[in-house]
Amino acid sequence: MNRVRILNTSLHSISKQQLLDRLKDGGSVFTLNVDHLMKLQKDFEFYSAYSAATYRVCDSQIIKTLTDCFFPNTIQEKISGSDLLPAYIEHYKHDPEVKLFLLGAAEGVADAVRTRVNAEVGREMIVDVYSPPFGFHTDPTECEYINERIKQSGATTLAVGLGAPKQEIWIAQNQQKLPGVKVFLAVGAALDFEAGNLSRCPAWMSNGGLEWLHRLVSEPRRLWRRYLLESLPLLWLLPMQFVKLYRPPEFPEPALAFKFQQVENETV
């Protein structure tokens, strides 16, 4: 499994099928999109969490296309969080050892996903769900309650849909406290997509690098700044990396403690 350097992080060049097979042995998965990449230039805590993920995969056709222009054939496949969750469920639906806990989304959303998925797979694959209150991540009592609830559920996989950077940082800070959980998935808006609260981007738009436009039209007030202002620097940062003029932010070494080690025996 090769890695490709994208600014101050790296992506694993892996197919979705290979990733699903490898998760039998556990690991954490973060899905890099343009918004994440821009946040990684400024947010040290987010950078620390990302640096410790077992698998960092490409969740952006724009990133894949630009990367292919400068570093051809380095990223095998785009793997979004919204695609990863249903693919993971399908892949492991007949494995009784795989039990999911869904953390995130508004009240009732994850419950709707749980009801549908368990009915479709014919077993209680999703064992519990929880929609945390606003600001929960700064409340130690609330975080302890969540961790205890996850432990009591018997879940072996935790899918966290809280948005970036909250979901990645929360996973990094709490995975050591959840020894029964083998797999951690940062899935963004996947719970809303699975519940039908948000419409999925048509395949032709996603494949053409226009998923951002679909999301922008769907949620303009929330996303206009992200897509029209904050993501623009990527258009010159990647070319600067190609000509060796990119200078990464001067972060200290990541200081968080993590359960999983990175896959480091790869060709960069």
Protein backbone atom coordinates (compact mmCIF):
# COMPACT_ATOMS: atom_id res chain seq x y z
CA MET A 1 0.00 0.00 0.00
CA ASN A 2 1.61 3.23 -1.20
CA ARG A 3 1.21 6.68 0.26
CA VAL A 4 1.20 10.02 -1.50
CA ARG A 5 2.15 13.26 0.21
CA ILE A 6 -0.55 15.94 -0.03
CA LEU A 7 0.74 19.18 1.51
CA ASN A 8 1.33 18.41 5.22
CA THR A 9 -0.41 15.03 5.35
CA SER A 10 -0.35 11.78 3.36
CA LEU A 11 -3.01 9.59 1.82
CA HIS A 12 -3.02 5.83 1.52
CA SER A 13 -3.49 4.62 -2.02
CA ILE A 14 -5.98 1.84 -1.43
CA SER A 15 -9.20 0.65 -3.02
CA LYS A 16 -12.44 0.59 -1.06
CA GLN A 17 -12.49 -3.21 -1.20
CA GLN A 18 -8.93 -3.46 0.12
CA LEU A 19 -9.78 -1.04 2.93
CA LEU A 20 -12.87 -3.00 3.94
CA ASP A 21 -10.88 -6.24 4.01
CA ARG A 22 -8.11 -4.67 6.10
CA LEU A 23 -10.59 -3.34 8.66
CA LYS A 24 -11.19 -6.93 9.76
CA ASP A 25 -8.03 -6.36 11.83
CA GLY A 26 -9.21 -2.98 13.12
CA GLY A 27 -8.11 0.59 12.58
CA SER A 28 -9.28 4.17 12.31
CA VAL A 29 -10.32 5.74 9.00
CA PHE A 30 -10.35 9.46 8.19
CA THR A 31 -11.53 10.64 4.78
CA LEU A 32 -9.64 13.68 3.47
CA ASN A 33 -11.53 16.32 1.52
CA VAL A 34 -10.60 19.88 0.54
CA ASP A 35 -12.09 21.34 3.72
CA HIS A 36 -10.03 18.97 5.86
CA LEU A 37 -6.88 19.74 3.91
CA MET A 38 -7.31 23.47 4.47
CA LYS A 39 -8.01 22.96 8.18
CA LEU A 40 -4.83 20.89 8.45
CA GLN A 41 -2.85 23.98 7.47
CA LYS A 42 -4.08 25.88 10.55
CA ASP A 43 -5.35 23.52 13.27
CA PHE A 44 -2.64 21.68 15.19
CA GLU A 45 -5.06 19.56 17.20
CA PHE A 46 -6.75 18.42 13.99
CA TYR A 47 -3.35 17.77 12.43
CA SER A 48 -2.37 15.67 15.45
CA ALA A 49 -5.50 13.56 15.16
CA TYR A 50 -5.05 13.10 11.41
CA SER A 51 -1.42 12.10 11.83
CA ALA A 52 -2.40 9.16 14.03
CA ALA A 53 -5.18 7.71 11.86
CA THR A 54 -4.50 4.18 10.66
CA TYR A 55 -5.94 4.97 7.22
CA ARG A 56 -6.26 8.35 5.53
CA VAL A 57 -8.16 8.05 2.26
CA CYS A 58 -9.19 10.49 -0.45
CA ASP A 59 -12.73 11.87 -0.11
CA SER A 60 -12.54 14.40 -2.93
CA GLN A 61 -12.57 14.04 -6.69
CA ILE A 62 -10.96 17.49 -6.85
CA ILE A 63 -8.01 16.33 -4.73
CA LYS A 64 -7.71 13.14 -6.78
CA THR A 65 -7.82 14.99 -10.09
CA LEU A 66 -5.29 17.64 -9.04
CA THR A 67 -3.03 15.01 -7.51
CA ASP A 68 -3.17 12.92 -10.69
CA CYS A 69 -2.08 15.99 -12.66
CA PHE A 70 1.11 16.38 -10.64
CA PHE A 71 1.68 12.86 -9.29
CA PRO A 72 0.03 10.47 -11.78
CA ASN A 73 -1.51 7.16 -10.69
CA THR A 74 -0.89 7.68 -6.99
CA ILE A 75 -4.42 7.54 -5.57
CA GLN A 76 -6.32 4.39 -6.49
CA GLU A 77 -9.86 5.45 -5.64
CA LYS A 78 -11.98 8.18 -4.08
CA ILE A 79 -13.53 6.84 -0.85
CA SER A 80 -15.96 9.20 0.85
CA GLY A 81 -17.29 8.81 4.37
CA SER A 82 -20.83 8.74 3.02
CA ASP A 83 -19.89 5.81 0.77
CA LEU A 84 -17.75 4.05 3.37
CA LEU A 85 -20.46 3.57 6.00
CA PRO A 86 -22.99 1.72 3.78
CA ALA A 87 -20.16 -0.24 2.15
CA TYR A 88 -18.85 -1.30 5.56
CA ILE A 89 -22.33 -2.41 6.64
CA GLU A 90 -22.80 -4.40 3.45
CA HIS A 91 -19.35 -5.99 3.71
CA TYR A 92 -19.80 -7.17 7.30
CA LYS A 93 -23.55 -7.71 7.52
CA HIS A 94 -23.14 -11.48 7.95
CA ASP A 95 -20.32 -11.23 10.50
CA PRO A 96 -21.92 -11.48 13.97
CA GLU A 97 -18.77 -10.08 15.58
CA VAL A 98 -19.27 -6.73 13.85
CA LYS A 99 -21.62 -4.53 15.89
CA LEU A 100 -21.95 -0.80 15.27
CA PHE A 101 -22.58 2.21 17.47
CA LEU A 102 -23.63 5.38 15.62
CA LEU A 103 -22.64 8.67 17.26
CA GLY A 104 -23.85 11.95 15.82
CA ALA A 105 -26.53 13.71 13.76
CA ALA A 106 -29.72 15.28 15.11
CA GLU A 107 -32.08 13.49 17.46
CA GLY A 108 -33.86 10.63 15.72
CA VAL A 109 -31.63 10.50 12.63
CA ALA A 110 -29.32 7.68 13.75
CA ASP A 111 -32.34 5.82 15.18
CA ALA A 112 -33.92 5.82 11.74
CA VAL A 113 -30.71 4.41 10.25
CA ARG A 114 -30.58 1.76 12.96
CA THR A 115 -34.16 0.61 12.34
CA ARG A 116 -33.69 0.37 8.58
CA VAL A 117 -30.28 -1.30 8.59
CA ASN A 118 -31.15 -3.91 11.22
CA ALA A 119 -34.31 -4.82 9.31
CA GLU A 120 -32.38 -5.14 6.05
CA VAL A 121 -29.52 -7.27 7.41
CA GLY A 122 -31.76 -9.43 9.59
CA ARG A 123 -29.85 -8.94 12.85
CA GLU A 124 -29.07 -6.25 15.40
CA MET A 125 -25.99 -5.05 13.61
CA ILE A 126 -26.39 -1.50 14.93
CA VAL A 127 -26.60 -2.05 18.67
CA ASP A 128 -27.05 1.54 19.86
CA VAL A 129 -27.04 5.17 18.73
CA TYR A 130 -26.64 8.53 20.42
CA SER A 131 -27.13 12.15 19.39
CA PRO A 132 -24.91 14.22 21.70
CA PRO A 133 -25.93 17.73 22.81
CA PHE A 134 -24.26 20.84 21.45
CA GLY A 135 -20.87 21.44 23.04
CA PHE A 136 -20.67 17.91 24.48
CA HIS A 137 -17.00 17.52 23.52
CA THR A 138 -16.00 20.15 26.10
CA ASP A 139 -17.99 18.46 28.89
CA PRO A 140 -15.98 15.64 30.58
CA THR A 141 -19.11 14.26 32.25
CA GLU A 142 -20.95 14.00 28.95
CA CYS A 143 -17.95 12.40 27.24
CA GLU A 144 -17.66 9.86 30.05
CA TYR A 145 -21.37 9.05 29.68
CA ILE A 146 -20.90 8.50 25.93
CA ASN A 147 -17.90 6.25 26.45
CA GLU A 148 -19.72 4.19 29.05
CA ARG A 149 -22.76 3.86 26.80
CA ILE A 150 -20.56 2.65 23.94
CA LYS A 151 -18.89 0.10 26.23
CA GLN A 152 -22.22 -1.18 27.53
CA SER A 153 -23.55 -1.60 23.99
CA GLY A 154 -20.91 -4.18 23.10
CA ALA A 155 -20.12 -2.34 19.87
CA THR A 156 -16.95 -3.31 18.01
CA THR A 157 -17.25 -0.49 15.44
CA LEU A 158 -17.91 3.17 16.15
CA ALA A 159 -19.13 5.39 13.31
CA VAL A 160 -18.85 9.07 14.26
CA GLY A 161 -20.76 11.67 12.26
CA LEU A 162 -20.04 14.98 13.98
CA GLY A 163 -18.32 16.93 11.20
CA ALA A 164 -14.69 17.98 10.99
CA PRO A 165 -12.61 18.65 12.96
CA LYS A 166 -14.77 17.59 15.90
CA GLN A 167 -15.24 13.93 14.91
CA GLU A 168 -11.56 13.25 14.18
CA ILE A 169 -10.33 14.96 17.35
CA TRP A 170 -12.97 13.19 19.46
CA ILE A 171 -11.93 9.80 18.07
CA ALA A 172 -8.26 10.52 18.72
CA GLN A 173 -8.89 11.65 22.29
CA ASN A 174 -11.28 8.85 23.25
CA GLN A 175 -10.30 5.68 21.37
CA GLN A 176 -7.95 4.54 24.16
CA LYS A 177 -10.91 4.63 26.53
CA LEU A 178 -12.86 2.19 24.33
CA PRO A 179 -10.86 -1.07 24.32
CA GLY A 180 -13.79 -3.08 22.95
CA VAL A 181 -14.01 -0.99 19.79
CA LYS A 182 -11.73 -2.20 16.99
CA VAL A 183 -12.82 0.08 14.16
CA PHE A 184 -13.38 3.84 14.23
CA LEU A 185 -14.96 5.49 11.19
CA ALA A 186 -15.21 9.28 10.77
CA VAL A 187 -18.21 9.49 8.43
CA GLY A 188 -19.31 13.15 8.36
CA ALA A 189 -22.85 13.57 7.02
CA ALA A 190 -23.27 9.86 6.25
CA LEU A 191 -25.94 9.40 8.93
CA ASP A 192 -28.09 12.13 7.36
CA PHE A 193 -27.62 10.59 3.92
CA GLU A 194 -28.52 7.12 5.18
CA ALA A 195 -31.61 8.46 6.95
CA GLY A 196 -32.70 10.31 3.82
CA ASN A 197 -32.43 13.75 5.44
CA LEU A 198 -29.92 14.88 2.81
CA SER A 199 -29.97 13.89 -0.85
CA ARG A 200 -26.93 12.16 -2.27
CA CYS A 201 -25.03 13.80 -5.07
CA PRO A 202 -25.71 12.22 -8.50
CA ALA A 203 -22.88 9.95 -9.58
CA TRP A 204 -22.05 12.06 -12.64
CA MET A 205 -21.53 15.14 -10.46
CA SER A 206 -19.44 13.25 -7.92
CA ASN A 207 -17.28 11.68 -10.63
CA GLY A 208 -16.86 15.07 -12.27
CA GLY A 209 -15.64 16.76 -9.11
CA LEU A 210 -18.87 18.70 -8.62
CA GLU A 211 -20.07 17.18 -5.35
CA TRP A 212 -19.12 20.44 -3.62
CA LEU A 213 -21.59 22.29 -5.87
CA HIS A 214 -24.39 19.87 -5.00
CA ARG A 215 -23.68 20.31 -1.28
CA LEU A 216 -23.47 24.10 -1.67
CA VAL A 217 -26.87 24.26 -3.39
CA SER A 218 -28.35 21.96 -0.72
CA GLU A 219 -26.98 23.95 2.25
CA PRO A 220 -25.89 27.39 0.96
CA ARG A 221 -26.03 29.31 4.25
CA ARG A 222 -23.87 26.76 6.06
CA LEU A 223 -21.41 25.89 3.31
CA TRP A 224 -20.85 28.98 1.14
CA ARG A 225 -17.82 30.17 3.07
CA ARG A 226 -16.21 26.71 3.12
CA TYR A 227 -16.51 26.13 -0.62
CA LEU A 228 -16.22 29.66 -2.05
CA LEU A 229 -13.55 31.12 0.23
CA GLU A 230 -11.77 28.68 2.53
CA SER A 231 -11.07 26.00 -0.09
CA LEU A 232 -9.57 28.27 -2.76
CA PRO A 233 -5.92 28.11 -1.54
CA LEU A 234 -5.71 24.48 -2.68
CA LEU A 235 -5.62 25.73 -6.29
CA TRP A 236 -2.15 27.20 -5.74
CA LEU A 237 -0.84 25.14 -2.81
CA LEU A 238 -0.65 21.84 -4.74
CA PRO A 239 1.20 23.43 -7.70
CA MET A 240 3.56 25.00 -5.15
CA GLN A 241 4.20 21.55 -3.67
CA PHE A 242 4.94 20.19 -7.14
CA VAL A 243 7.64 22.83 -7.75
CA LYS A 244 8.91 22.40 -4.16
CA LEU A 245 7.87 25.86 -2.97
CA TYR A 246 5.22 24.72 -0.49
CA ARG A 247 6.21 25.23 3.14
CA PRO A 248 4.15 23.28 5.70
CA PRO A 249 2.99 25.04 8.87
CA GLU A 250 5.53 24.92 11.67
CA PHE A 251 3.64 22.63 14.03
CA PRO A 252 5.35 20.83 16.92
CA GLU A 253 5.35 17.06 16.93
CA PRO A 254 1.80 15.67 17.50
CA ALA A 255 1.28 15.37 21.24
CA LEU A 256 -1.93 13.35 21.59
CA ALA A 257 -1.84 9.73 22.78
CA PHE A 258 -3.41 7.23 20.39
CA LYS A 259 -4.40 3.61 20.34
CA PHE A 260 -3.58 2.81 16.73
CA GLN A 261 -0.21 3.16 15.07
CA GLN A 262 0.06 4.43 11.54
CA VAL A 263 0.84 2.09 8.69
CA GLU A 264 4.42 3.20 8.16
CA ASN A 265 6.01 0.40 6.14
CA GLU A 266 4.90 1.88 2.86
CA THR A 267 6.55 3.53 -0.10
CA VAL A 268 6.14 7.29 -0.02
